[in-house]
Protein backbone atom coordinates (compact mmCIF):
# COMPACT_ATOMS: atom_id res chain seq x y z
CA UNK A 1 -14.25 -2.78 9.90
CA UNK A 2 -10.72 -3.32 9.53
CA UNK A 3 -9.31 -6.38 10.25
CA UNK A 4 -5.42 -6.48 11.62
CA UNK A 5 -3.94 -9.51 9.52
CA UNK A 6 -1.04 -11.19 10.57
CA UNK A 7 2.27 -10.35 9.92
CA UNK A 8 4.20 -12.46 7.17
CA UNK A 9 7.27 -10.52 6.64
CA UNK A 10 8.66 -7.05 7.19
CA UNK A 11 6.50 -4.07 6.50
CA UNK A 12 6.40 -1.93 3.17
CA UNK A 13 4.57 0.33 0.99
CA UNK A 14 2.85 -2.67 -0.88
CA UNK A 15 1.66 -6.19 -0.31
CA UNK A 16 2.04 -9.08 -1.99
CA UNK A 17 -1.08 -11.11 -1.90
CA UNK A 18 -0.35 -15.11 -2.65
CA UNK A 19 -3.59 -16.69 -3.58
CA UNK A 20 -4.09 -20.23 -3.50
CA UNK A 21 -7.07 -22.40 -4.31
CA UNK A 22 -8.31 -26.03 -3.16
CA UNK A 23 -5.89 -27.36 -5.79
CA UNK A 24 -3.22 -25.42 -5.14
CA UNK A 25 -1.40 -21.59 -6.10
CA UNK A 26 -3.54 -19.74 -8.19
CA UNK A 27 -1.56 -16.33 -8.71
CA UNK A 28 0.15 -13.66 -6.74
CA UNK A 29 -0.78 -9.89 -6.82
CA UNK A 30 0.56 -6.87 -5.70
CA UNK A 31 -1.63 -4.58 -3.48
CA UNK A 32 -1.49 -1.33 -1.98
CA UNK A 33 -0.90 -1.57 1.71
CA UNK A 34 -4.44 -0.28 2.46
CA UNK A 35 -7.02 -1.73 0.26
CA UNK A 36 -10.31 -3.60 0.49
CA UNK A 37 -11.33 -7.26 -0.01
CA UNK A 38 -13.18 -5.91 -3.55
CA UNK A 39 -9.60 -4.76 -4.77
CA UNK A 40 -8.42 -7.93 -4.00
CA UNK A 41 -10.93 -9.74 -5.75
CA UNK A 42 -10.54 -7.49 -8.67
CA UNK A 43 -6.48 -8.24 -8.70
CA UNK A 44 -7.36 -11.73 -8.88
CA UNK A 45 -9.68 -11.45 -11.59
CA UNK A 46 -7.50 -9.50 -13.63
CA UNK A 47 -4.89 -12.07 -12.81
CA UNK A 48 -6.88 -15.02 -13.31
CA UNK A 49 -9.93 -14.12 -15.27
CA UNK A 50 -12.45 -15.72 -12.05
CA UNK A 51 -14.94 -13.18 -12.11
CA UNK A 52 -14.85 -11.16 -8.81
CA UNK A 53 -18.52 -11.88 -7.91
CA UNK A 54 -17.42 -15.68 -7.92
CA UNK A 55 -14.81 -15.09 -5.42
CA UNK A 56 -14.96 -15.98 -2.01
CA UNK A 57 -11.95 -14.71 0.13
CA UNK A 58 -10.68 -16.63 3.22
CA UNK A 59 -8.02 -15.16 5.80
CA UNK A 60 -7.26 -18.08 8.20
CA UNK A 61 -10.70 -19.48 8.64
CA UNK A 62 -12.56 -16.10 8.34
CA UNK A 63 -14.29 -14.79 5.08
CA UNK A 64 -13.58 -11.42 4.03
CA UNK A 65 -16.50 -9.15 3.15
CA UNK A 66 -16.07 -7.27 -0.16
CA UNK A 67 -16.09 -3.76 1.58
CA UNK A 68 -14.05 -5.14 4.38
CA UNK A 69 -10.56 -2.59 4.17
CA UNK A 70 -7.83 -5.03 4.73
CA UNK A 71 -4.34 -3.54 6.45
CA UNK A 72 -1.43 -6.63 6.30
CA UNK A 73 0.92 -6.31 9.08
CA UNK A 74 3.43 -7.36 6.54
CA UNK A 75 4.56 -7.38 2.86
CA UNK A 76 2.77 -10.84 2.23
CA UNK A 77 -1.15 -11.62 2.55
CA UNK A 78 -1.98 -15.44 2.23
CA UNK A 79 -5.29 -15.72 0.66
CA UNK A 80 -7.28 -18.81 0.00
CA UNK A 81 -9.91 -18.42 -2.89
CA UNK A 82 -13.28 -20.61 -2.92
CA UNK A 83 -15.14 -20.23 -6.34
CA UNK A 84 -18.70 -20.01 -6.08
CA UNK A 85 -21.16 -21.04 -9.07
CA UNK A 86 -22.20 -18.87 -11.35
CA UNK A 87 -26.00 -19.17 -10.64
CA UNK A 88 -25.06 -18.47 -6.77
CA UNK A 89 -23.11 -15.39 -8.15
CA UNK A 90 -26.16 -14.24 -10.21
CA UNK A 91 -28.55 -14.72 -7.56
CA UNK A 92 -26.68 -13.25 -4.67
CA UNK A 93 -26.49 -10.25 -6.76
CA UNK A 94 -30.10 -10.14 -7.77
CA UNK A 95 -31.14 -10.42 -3.93
CA UNK A 96 -28.66 -7.56 -3.15
CA UNK A 97 -30.24 -5.22 -5.48
CA UNK A 98 -34.06 -6.32 -5.41
CA UNK A 99 -36.52 -3.84 -4.55
CA UNK A 100 -38.95 -6.09 -3.46
CA UNK A 101 -39.01 -9.19 -0.98
CA UNK A 102 -40.37 -11.77 -3.96
CA UNK A 103 -37.22 -11.85 -5.56
CA UNK A 104 -37.18 -15.35 -4.59
CA UNK A 105 -40.41 -16.28 -5.94
CA UNK A 106 -39.10 -16.96 -9.22
CA UNK A 107 -35.89 -18.60 -8.27
CA UNK A 108 -35.16 -22.10 -8.84
CA UNK A 109 -35.12 -24.73 -5.92
CA UNK A 110 -31.46 -24.72 -5.98
CA UNK A 111 -31.38 -21.46 -5.17
CA UNK A 112 -34.19 -21.14 -2.73
CA UNK A 113 -32.45 -23.96 -0.57
CA UNK A 114 -29.26 -22.22 -0.40
CA UNK A 115 -28.42 -20.54 2.65
CA UNK A 116 -26.13 -18.11 1.53
CA UNK A 117 -28.50 -16.84 -0.93
CA UNK A 118 -31.46 -16.84 1.50
CA UNK A 119 -29.43 -15.07 3.86
CA UNK A 120 -28.50 -12.38 1.69
CA UNK A 121 -32.30 -11.99 0.62
CA UNK A 122 -33.73 -11.90 3.98
CA UNK A 123 -31.54 -9.37 5.33
CA UNK A 124 -32.57 -7.09 2.80
CA UNK A 125 -36.19 -7.91 2.61
CA UNK A 126 -37.42 -9.91 5.57
CA UNK A 127 -40.61 -10.96 3.48
CA UNK A 128 -38.11 -13.22 1.02
CA UNK A 129 -38.53 -15.61 4.27
CA UNK A 130 -41.99 -16.68 2.70
CA UNK A 131 -40.05 -18.04 -0.62
CA UNK A 132 -37.09 -20.04 1.21
CA UNK A 133 -36.89 -23.66 1.29
CA UNK A 134 -39.01 -25.40 4.02
CA UNK A 135 -35.47 -26.30 6.04
CA UNK A 136 -34.23 -22.63 5.45
CA UNK A 137 -37.53 -21.18 6.83
CA UNK A 138 -36.76 -23.12 10.00
CA UNK A 139 -33.04 -21.92 10.73
CA UNK A 140 -32.90 -20.06 13.66
CA UNK A 141 -30.38 -17.64 12.34
CA UNK A 142 -32.17 -17.43 8.91
CA UNK A 143 -35.36 -16.71 10.52
CA UNK A 144 -33.68 -14.00 13.29
CA UNK A 145 -32.21 -12.21 10.13
CA UNK A 146 -35.37 -11.92 8.60
CA UNK A 147 -37.36 -10.84 11.64
CA UNK A 148 -34.70 -8.29 12.34
CA UNK A 149 -35.25 -6.60 8.79
CA UNK A 150 -38.82 -6.73 9.08
CA UNK A 151 -40.54 -8.23 12.32
CA UNK A 152 -43.85 -9.56 10.57
CA UNK A 153 -41.91 -11.76 8.71
CA UNK A 154 -41.95 -14.10 11.54
CA UNK A 155 -45.15 -15.17 9.80
CA UNK A 156 -43.32 -17.40 7.60
CA UNK A 157 -41.15 -19.32 9.66
CA UNK A 158 -41.67 -22.95 10.13
CA UNK A 159 -40.68 -25.31 12.64
CA UNK A 160 -38.19 -27.35 10.54
């Protein structure tokens, strides 16, 4: 899906992305007019050294999916970067590439209690719900995602 981003100045063939973090300005990167959030992440990594897997990009109040195509309606795009932990980035990659639902079985408690990692896991394999921390097995949003992927995974839900 393409998201039309707010105009900041006159249109041109390229865009400048101003990247800020919670501590202030991080970098500026120049981008093609039509690029993906993943392209932005790679440009930020080249400029700052922050691995793309650890980056969460926010425009306004919306987190951009890596595959999302951006079409800024101006020459400046304001992005806020939130950095996820190396552990979370590693486990997100593991659950997104896993070939089985028991991937969380060997995960540390901090991971099985991480809402973002568990959501990614159950979206790929509903069975992963059985390895989530108890409070997350009672989360309506997570249980629904697991059941959409595999209806029988409802057996792992709790009433927490």
